[in-house]
Amino acid sequence: MFTPSFSYSLGQAGAMAHAYRRVSVETSVEDASPHKLVDMLFDGYMEALSQARGHMQSGAIEQKGKAIGRAARIIEEGLKAGLNLKDGGRLAQDLHSLYAYLTVRLTLANIRNDERVLDECVSLVEPLRQAWKAIAPQVARRVN
C-alpha cells in the first residue's frame, strides 16, 4: 500500500484552506482534513482545466484565461505551497518540480490557445489525483 513520505502540518493545512478559498473553488473547507483539502484542490484543478477547454473551444478568450489562471493558482498557491519540502524527501521535491513545470505549461496553453498542452497538464496530474483518492481509506484509519 502506498504511504506518502511527506506530510502537511496543521499550519500548512490552514494555508491550503486559505488558498483554496482564495482560488474560488466552491465547497466547504472548514471541517476538511489536510488530506481532503488536497483532494479538493486536485478536483478544482481538473474542473478549471475542463472549463478552460470549453472556453477555448467556444472562443471565450477572457473566460479561458481566467480558468487557466485558476488552475495555475491551485497548483502554485495550494498544491505546491502546501508541500513540506523540509521533511517530505524526494517525493516532495519531485512534486515541487512537477508543479513548477505545470505552471509553465499552463501559461503556454493560455498563450497559444493549445488544447494539447491542457491535455498534457491533465495527464500529468490525473495519476496523482487517483493515487491520492486511493490512499484516503488508509489516511482515515491513521487519523482515527
N, C-alpha and C. Protein backbone atom coordinates (compact mmCIF):
# COMPACT_ATOMS: atom_id res chain seq x y z
N MET A 1 0.84 -1.17 0.00
CA MET A 1 0.00 0.00 0.00
C MET A 1 0.88 1.24 0.00
N PHE A 2 0.54 2.24 -0.76
CA PHE A 2 1.30 3.48 -0.87
C PHE A 2 1.13 4.31 0.39
N THR A 3 2.24 4.73 0.94
CA THR A 3 2.21 5.64 2.08
C THR A 3 3.01 6.86 1.69
N PRO A 4 2.40 8.05 1.70
CA PRO A 4 3.15 9.23 1.29
C PRO A 4 4.30 9.49 2.25
N SER A 5 5.43 9.91 1.69
CA SER A 5 6.60 10.18 2.53
C SER A 5 6.71 11.66 2.84
N PHE A 6 5.64 12.37 2.72
CA PHE A 6 5.61 13.78 3.08
C PHE A 6 4.33 14.03 3.83
N SER A 7 4.31 15.11 4.56
CA SER A 7 3.13 15.40 5.36
C SER A 7 2.81 16.87 5.30
N TYR A 8 1.61 17.20 5.72
CA TYR A 8 1.18 18.58 5.81
C TYR A 8 0.98 18.90 7.28
N SER A 9 1.61 19.97 7.74
CA SER A 9 1.44 20.36 9.13
C SER A 9 0.10 21.08 9.28
N LEU A 10 -0.31 21.27 10.52
CA LEU A 10 -1.57 21.98 10.76
C LEU A 10 -1.51 23.40 10.20
N GLY A 11 -0.37 24.06 10.32
CA GLY A 11 -0.21 25.39 9.76
C GLY A 11 -0.36 25.38 8.25
N GLN A 12 0.23 24.36 7.63
CA GLN A 12 0.11 24.24 6.18
C GLN A 12 -1.32 23.93 5.79
N ALA A 13 -2.03 23.15 6.59
CA ALA A 13 -3.43 22.85 6.30
C ALA A 13 -4.24 24.14 6.29
N GLY A 14 -3.98 25.01 7.24
CA GLY A 14 -4.67 26.30 7.27
C GLY A 14 -4.34 27.13 6.06
N ALA A 15 -3.07 27.11 5.66
CA ALA A 15 -2.65 27.86 4.47
C ALA A 15 -3.31 27.29 3.22
N MET A 16 -3.42 25.95 3.15
CA MET A 16 -4.08 25.34 1.99
C MET A 16 -5.55 25.70 1.96
N ALA A 17 -6.20 25.71 3.12
CA ALA A 17 -7.62 26.07 3.18
C ALA A 17 -7.80 27.51 2.71
N HIS A 18 -6.90 28.38 3.15
CA HIS A 18 -6.99 29.78 2.73
C HIS A 18 -6.77 29.90 1.22
N ALA A 19 -5.77 29.18 0.70
CA ALA A 19 -5.51 29.21 -0.74
C ALA A 19 -6.69 28.66 -1.51
N TYR A 20 -7.27 27.62 -0.98
CA TYR A 20 -8.42 27.00 -1.64
C TYR A 20 -9.56 28.00 -1.76
N ARG A 21 -9.86 28.72 -0.68
CA ARG A 21 -10.91 29.74 -0.73
C ARG A 21 -10.54 30.84 -1.70
N ARG A 22 -9.28 31.25 -1.68
CA ARG A 22 -8.82 32.36 -2.49
C ARG A 22 -8.92 32.05 -3.98
N VAL A 23 -8.78 30.82 -4.39
CA VAL A 23 -8.85 30.48 -5.81
C VAL A 23 -10.27 30.15 -6.25
N SER A 24 -11.23 30.44 -5.42
CA SER A 24 -12.65 30.37 -5.76
C SER A 24 -13.15 28.97 -6.09
N VAL A 25 -12.64 27.96 -5.46
CA VAL A 25 -13.18 26.62 -5.63
C VAL A 25 -14.33 26.52 -4.66
N GLU A 26 -15.52 26.25 -5.17
CA GLU A 26 -16.72 26.31 -4.35
C GLU A 26 -16.98 25.01 -3.60
N THR A 27 -16.74 25.03 -2.31
CA THR A 27 -17.07 23.93 -1.42
C THR A 27 -16.71 24.34 -0.01
N SER A 28 -17.18 23.64 0.96
CA SER A 28 -16.87 23.96 2.35
C SER A 28 -15.56 23.30 2.74
N VAL A 29 -14.65 24.10 3.29
CA VAL A 29 -13.36 23.57 3.70
C VAL A 29 -13.16 23.64 5.20
N GLU A 30 -14.13 24.17 5.89
CA GLU A 30 -13.97 24.39 7.33
C GLU A 30 -13.63 23.12 8.10
N ASP A 31 -14.27 22.00 7.79
CA ASP A 31 -14.06 20.76 8.53
C ASP A 31 -13.23 19.74 7.78
N ALA A 32 -12.63 20.15 6.68
CA ALA A 32 -11.88 19.21 5.85
C ALA A 32 -10.51 18.92 6.46
N SER A 33 -10.11 17.66 6.38
CA SER A 33 -8.77 17.26 6.82
C SER A 33 -7.75 17.74 5.79
N PRO A 34 -6.48 17.77 6.15
CA PRO A 34 -5.46 18.12 5.16
C PRO A 34 -5.52 17.21 3.92
N HIS A 35 -5.79 15.92 4.14
CA HIS A 35 -5.90 15.00 3.01
C HIS A 35 -7.07 15.41 2.09
N LYS A 36 -8.20 15.72 2.69
CA LYS A 36 -9.38 16.12 1.91
C LYS A 36 -9.14 17.44 1.19
N LEU A 37 -8.43 18.36 1.82
CA LEU A 37 -8.12 19.63 1.15
C LEU A 37 -7.32 19.41 -0.12
N VAL A 38 -6.32 18.54 -0.06
CA VAL A 38 -5.52 18.24 -1.26
C VAL A 38 -6.42 17.58 -2.31
N ASP A 39 -7.27 16.68 -1.89
CA ASP A 39 -8.22 16.04 -2.80
C ASP A 39 -9.08 17.09 -3.50
N MET A 40 -9.58 18.05 -2.74
CA MET A 40 -10.42 19.10 -3.32
C MET A 40 -9.61 20.00 -4.25
N LEU A 41 -8.34 20.24 -3.93
CA LEU A 41 -7.50 21.02 -4.84
C LEU A 41 -7.31 20.29 -6.17
N PHE A 42 -7.04 19.00 -6.11
CA PHE A 42 -6.93 18.22 -7.35
C PHE A 42 -8.22 18.31 -8.16
N ASP A 43 -9.35 18.15 -7.50
CA ASP A 43 -10.64 18.22 -8.20
C ASP A 43 -10.87 19.61 -8.80
N GLY A 44 -10.54 20.64 -8.04
CA GLY A 44 -10.70 22.00 -8.53
C GLY A 44 -9.81 22.29 -9.73
N TYR A 45 -8.60 21.76 -9.71
CA TYR A 45 -7.67 21.90 -10.83
C TYR A 45 -8.26 21.27 -12.09
N MET A 46 -8.75 20.04 -11.95
CA MET A 46 -9.32 19.35 -13.11
C MET A 46 -10.55 20.08 -13.64
N GLU A 47 -11.37 20.58 -12.74
CA GLU A 47 -12.56 21.33 -13.15
C GLU A 47 -12.16 22.60 -13.90
N ALA A 48 -11.15 23.29 -13.39
CA ALA A 48 -10.69 24.52 -14.05
C ALA A 48 -10.17 24.22 -15.46
N LEU A 49 -9.45 23.11 -15.61
CA LEU A 49 -8.95 22.77 -16.96
C LEU A 49 -10.08 22.37 -17.89
N SER A 50 -11.08 21.70 -17.36
CA SER A 50 -12.24 21.36 -18.17
C SER A 50 -12.96 22.63 -18.65
N GLN A 51 -13.11 23.57 -17.75
CA GLN A 51 -13.73 24.84 -18.13
C GLN A 51 -12.88 25.57 -19.15
N ALA A 52 -11.56 25.58 -18.95
CA ALA A 52 -10.66 26.25 -19.89
C ALA A 52 -10.80 25.65 -21.28
N ARG A 53 -10.89 24.32 -21.35
CA ARG A 53 -11.05 23.65 -22.64
C ARG A 53 -12.34 24.10 -23.33
N GLY A 54 -13.42 24.12 -22.58
CA GLY A 54 -14.70 24.55 -23.16
C GLY A 54 -14.64 25.99 -23.66
N HIS A 55 -14.02 26.86 -22.87
CA HIS A 55 -13.89 28.26 -23.29
C HIS A 55 -12.96 28.39 -24.49
N MET A 56 -11.93 27.57 -24.53
CA MET A 56 -11.01 27.58 -25.66
C MET A 56 -11.76 27.20 -26.94
N GLN A 57 -12.58 26.15 -26.83
CA GLN A 57 -13.33 25.67 -27.99
C GLN A 57 -14.38 26.65 -28.46
N SER A 58 -14.95 27.41 -27.53
CA SER A 58 -16.00 28.37 -27.91
C SER A 58 -15.45 29.75 -28.23
N GLY A 59 -14.15 29.93 -28.06
CA GLY A 59 -13.53 31.21 -28.38
C GLY A 59 -13.72 32.26 -27.30
N ALA A 60 -14.10 31.85 -26.11
CA ALA A 60 -14.28 32.78 -24.99
C ALA A 60 -12.93 33.00 -24.32
N ILE A 61 -12.14 33.87 -24.91
CA ILE A 61 -10.74 34.05 -24.51
C ILE A 61 -10.59 34.53 -23.07
N GLU A 62 -11.39 35.50 -22.65
CA GLU A 62 -11.26 36.01 -21.29
C GLU A 62 -11.58 34.93 -20.26
N GLN A 63 -12.66 34.19 -20.48
CA GLN A 63 -13.04 33.12 -19.55
C GLN A 63 -12.00 32.00 -19.55
N LYS A 64 -11.44 31.71 -20.74
CA LYS A 64 -10.38 30.69 -20.82
C LYS A 64 -9.20 31.11 -19.97
N GLY A 65 -8.79 32.36 -20.09
CA GLY A 65 -7.67 32.87 -19.31
C GLY A 65 -7.93 32.81 -17.82
N LYS A 66 -9.15 33.12 -17.42
CA LYS A 66 -9.49 33.05 -16.00
C LYS A 66 -9.46 31.61 -15.49
N ALA A 67 -9.96 30.68 -16.29
CA ALA A 67 -9.97 29.27 -15.88
C ALA A 67 -8.55 28.72 -15.78
N ILE A 68 -7.71 29.05 -16.74
CA ILE A 68 -6.32 28.59 -16.69
C ILE A 68 -5.59 29.26 -15.52
N GLY A 69 -5.88 30.53 -15.29
CA GLY A 69 -5.29 31.22 -14.15
C GLY A 69 -5.70 30.57 -12.83
N ARG A 70 -6.95 30.15 -12.76
CA ARG A 70 -7.43 29.46 -11.56
C ARG A 70 -6.68 28.14 -11.35
N ALA A 71 -6.50 27.38 -12.44
CA ALA A 71 -5.75 26.12 -12.35
C ALA A 71 -4.31 26.38 -11.89
N ALA A 72 -3.69 27.42 -12.43
CA ALA A 72 -2.32 27.75 -12.05
C ALA A 72 -2.24 28.16 -10.58
N ARG A 73 -3.22 28.92 -10.10
CA ARG A 73 -3.22 29.31 -8.69
C ARG A 73 -3.43 28.11 -7.78
N ILE A 74 -4.25 27.16 -8.20
CA ILE A 74 -4.43 25.94 -7.41
C ILE A 74 -3.10 25.20 -7.28
N ILE A 75 -2.38 25.13 -8.39
CA ILE A 75 -1.07 24.47 -8.37
C ILE A 75 -0.10 25.24 -7.48
N GLU A 76 0.05 26.53 -7.73
CA GLU A 76 1.06 27.33 -7.03
C GLU A 76 0.70 27.61 -5.57
N GLU A 77 -0.51 28.09 -5.33
CA GLU A 77 -0.88 28.57 -4.00
C GLU A 77 -1.47 27.47 -3.12
N GLY A 78 -1.87 26.38 -3.73
CA GLY A 78 -2.45 25.28 -2.97
C GLY A 78 -1.51 24.09 -2.89
N LEU A 79 -1.35 23.40 -4.00
CA LEU A 79 -0.59 22.15 -4.00
C LEU A 79 0.91 22.37 -3.77
N LYS A 80 1.50 23.26 -4.53
CA LYS A 80 2.95 23.48 -4.40
C LYS A 80 3.28 24.15 -3.06
N ALA A 81 2.51 25.15 -2.68
CA ALA A 81 2.78 25.85 -1.42
C ALA A 81 2.56 24.96 -0.21
N GLY A 82 1.73 23.93 -0.34
CA GLY A 82 1.44 23.05 0.78
C GLY A 82 2.44 21.94 0.98
N LEU A 83 3.40 21.80 0.08
CA LEU A 83 4.40 20.74 0.24
C LEU A 83 5.32 21.02 1.42
N ASN A 84 5.68 19.97 2.10
CA ASN A 84 6.63 20.05 3.20
C ASN A 84 7.99 19.63 2.65
N LEU A 85 8.72 20.60 2.10
CA LEU A 85 9.99 20.30 1.45
C LEU A 85 11.07 19.87 2.44
N LYS A 86 10.98 20.35 3.67
CA LYS A 86 11.98 20.01 4.68
C LYS A 86 11.90 18.53 5.05
N ASP A 87 10.70 18.03 5.30
CA ASP A 87 10.53 16.66 5.78
C ASP A 87 10.00 15.70 4.72
N GLY A 88 9.65 16.22 3.56
CA GLY A 88 8.99 15.41 2.55
C GLY A 88 9.87 14.57 1.67
N GLY A 89 11.17 14.76 1.76
CA GLY A 89 12.08 13.93 1.00
C GLY A 89 11.98 14.12 -0.50
N ARG A 90 12.41 13.09 -1.19
CA ARG A 90 12.48 13.11 -2.65
C ARG A 90 11.10 13.31 -3.29
N LEU A 91 10.08 12.69 -2.73
CA LEU A 91 8.73 12.82 -3.29
C LEU A 91 8.28 14.28 -3.29
N ALA A 92 8.47 14.97 -2.19
CA ALA A 92 8.07 16.38 -2.11
C ALA A 92 8.87 17.22 -3.11
N GLN A 93 10.16 16.93 -3.26
CA GLN A 93 10.99 17.65 -4.23
C GLN A 93 10.50 17.40 -5.66
N ASP A 94 10.19 16.15 -5.96
CA ASP A 94 9.69 15.81 -7.30
C ASP A 94 8.36 16.48 -7.59
N LEU A 95 7.48 16.49 -6.60
CA LEU A 95 6.19 17.16 -6.79
C LEU A 95 6.38 18.67 -6.97
N HIS A 96 7.29 19.25 -6.22
CA HIS A 96 7.59 20.67 -6.36
C HIS A 96 8.04 20.98 -7.79
N SER A 97 8.92 20.15 -8.33
CA SER A 97 9.39 20.33 -9.71
C SER A 97 8.26 20.14 -10.71
N LEU A 98 7.43 19.12 -10.48
CA LEU A 98 6.29 18.90 -11.37
C LEU A 98 5.35 20.09 -11.36
N TYR A 99 5.04 20.61 -10.19
CA TYR A 99 4.12 21.74 -10.09
C TYR A 99 4.71 22.98 -10.77
N ALA A 100 6.02 23.19 -10.66
CA ALA A 100 6.66 24.31 -11.36
C ALA A 100 6.52 24.13 -12.88
N TYR A 101 6.73 22.92 -13.34
CA TYR A 101 6.59 22.62 -14.77
C TYR A 101 5.16 22.86 -15.24
N LEU A 102 4.19 22.42 -14.45
CA LEU A 102 2.79 22.61 -14.81
C LEU A 102 2.44 24.09 -14.95
N THR A 103 2.98 24.91 -14.07
CA THR A 103 2.71 26.34 -14.15
C THR A 103 3.20 26.92 -15.48
N VAL A 104 4.38 26.50 -15.89
CA VAL A 104 4.92 26.95 -17.18
C VAL A 104 4.04 26.46 -18.33
N ARG A 105 3.64 25.20 -18.28
CA ARG A 105 2.83 24.63 -19.36
C ARG A 105 1.44 25.27 -19.42
N LEU A 106 0.87 25.58 -18.26
CA LEU A 106 -0.44 26.24 -18.26
C LEU A 106 -0.34 27.63 -18.89
N THR A 107 0.74 28.33 -18.61
CA THR A 107 0.95 29.64 -19.23
C THR A 107 1.06 29.48 -20.74
N LEU A 108 1.78 28.49 -21.18
CA LEU A 108 1.92 28.23 -22.62
C LEU A 108 0.58 27.87 -23.25
N ALA A 109 -0.19 27.03 -22.58
CA ALA A 109 -1.52 26.66 -23.11
C ALA A 109 -2.38 27.90 -23.28
N ASN A 110 -2.30 28.81 -22.35
CA ASN A 110 -3.09 30.02 -22.41
C ASN A 110 -2.63 30.92 -23.57
N ILE A 111 -1.33 31.12 -23.67
CA ILE A 111 -0.78 32.00 -24.71
C ILE A 111 -1.06 31.44 -26.10
N ARG A 112 -0.86 30.14 -26.25
CA ARG A 112 -1.01 29.51 -27.58
C ARG A 112 -2.42 29.01 -27.86
N ASN A 113 -3.28 29.06 -26.85
CA ASN A 113 -4.64 28.54 -27.03
C ASN A 113 -4.58 27.08 -27.47
N ASP A 114 -3.78 26.29 -26.77
CA ASP A 114 -3.43 24.94 -27.20
C ASP A 114 -4.05 23.87 -26.30
N GLU A 115 -5.04 23.18 -26.83
CA GLU A 115 -5.70 22.11 -26.06
C GLU A 115 -4.77 20.94 -25.78
N ARG A 116 -3.81 20.71 -26.66
CA ARG A 116 -2.88 19.59 -26.43
C ARG A 116 -2.05 19.82 -25.16
N VAL A 117 -1.71 21.06 -24.89
CA VAL A 117 -0.96 21.36 -23.67
C VAL A 117 -1.87 21.16 -22.45
N LEU A 118 -3.14 21.53 -22.58
CA LEU A 118 -4.09 21.25 -21.50
C LEU A 118 -4.18 19.74 -21.25
N ASP A 119 -4.21 18.96 -22.34
CA ASP A 119 -4.25 17.50 -22.20
C ASP A 119 -3.03 17.00 -21.42
N GLU A 120 -1.86 17.55 -21.74
CA GLU A 120 -0.64 17.17 -21.03
C GLU A 120 -0.77 17.50 -19.54
N CYS A 121 -1.30 18.68 -19.23
CA CYS A 121 -1.44 19.10 -17.83
C CYS A 121 -2.41 18.19 -17.07
N VAL A 122 -3.45 17.73 -17.75
CA VAL A 122 -4.37 16.78 -17.14
C VAL A 122 -3.67 15.44 -16.93
N SER A 123 -2.96 14.97 -17.95
CA SER A 123 -2.34 13.64 -17.87
C SER A 123 -1.23 13.58 -16.83
N LEU A 124 -0.61 14.69 -16.53
CA LEU A 124 0.44 14.70 -15.51
C LEU A 124 -0.12 14.69 -14.09
N VAL A 125 -1.32 15.21 -13.91
CA VAL A 125 -1.89 15.30 -12.56
C VAL A 125 -2.87 14.17 -12.26
N GLU A 126 -3.53 13.65 -13.27
CA GLU A 126 -4.56 12.62 -13.03
C GLU A 126 -4.03 11.40 -12.26
N PRO A 127 -2.85 10.88 -12.58
CA PRO A 127 -2.35 9.74 -11.77
C PRO A 127 -2.14 10.11 -10.30
N LEU A 128 -1.67 11.31 -10.04
CA LEU A 128 -1.51 11.77 -8.66
C LEU A 128 -2.87 11.87 -7.97
N ARG A 129 -3.79 12.43 -8.68
CA ARG A 129 -5.15 12.60 -8.14
C ARG A 129 -5.75 11.24 -7.78
N GLN A 130 -5.62 10.28 -8.68
CA GLN A 130 -6.19 8.95 -8.42
C GLN A 130 -5.46 8.25 -7.27
N ALA A 131 -4.14 8.39 -7.21
CA ALA A 131 -3.38 7.78 -6.11
C ALA A 131 -3.78 8.42 -4.78
N TRP A 132 -3.99 9.73 -4.79
CA TRP A 132 -4.40 10.44 -3.57
C TRP A 132 -5.76 9.94 -3.10
N LYS A 133 -6.67 9.76 -4.04
CA LYS A 133 -8.00 9.24 -3.69
C LYS A 133 -7.89 7.81 -3.16
N ALA A 134 -7.00 7.03 -3.74
CA ALA A 134 -6.86 5.63 -3.35
C ALA A 134 -6.34 5.47 -1.93
N ILE A 135 -5.53 6.40 -1.45
CA ILE A 135 -5.00 6.27 -0.10
C ILE A 135 -5.91 6.88 0.96
N ALA A 136 -7.03 7.44 0.57
CA ALA A 136 -7.94 8.07 1.54
C ALA A 136 -8.35 7.12 2.67
N PRO A 137 -8.73 5.87 2.38
CA PRO A 137 -9.10 4.98 3.48
C PRO A 137 -7.95 4.73 4.46
N GLN A 138 -6.75 4.59 3.94
CA GLN A 138 -5.57 4.37 4.79
C GLN A 138 -5.33 5.59 5.67
N VAL A 139 -5.44 6.77 5.10
CA VAL A 139 -5.25 8.01 5.85
C VAL A 139 -6.32 8.14 6.93
N ALA A 140 -7.55 7.80 6.59
CA ALA A 140 -8.64 7.88 7.56
C ALA A 140 -8.41 6.94 8.74
N ARG A 141 -7.88 5.75 8.46
CA ARG A 141 -7.58 4.79 9.54
C ARG A 141 -6.49 5.32 10.45
N ARG A 142 -5.49 5.98 9.89
CA ARG A 142 -4.39 6.53 10.70
C ARG A 142 -4.87 7.67 11.58
N VAL A 143 -5.82 8.45 11.09
CA VAL A 143 -6.34 9.58 11.85
C VAL A 143 -7.25 9.10 12.97
N ASN A 144 -8.03 8.08 12.72
CA ASN A 144 -9.00 7.58 13.71
C ASN A 144 -8.41 6.64 14.66
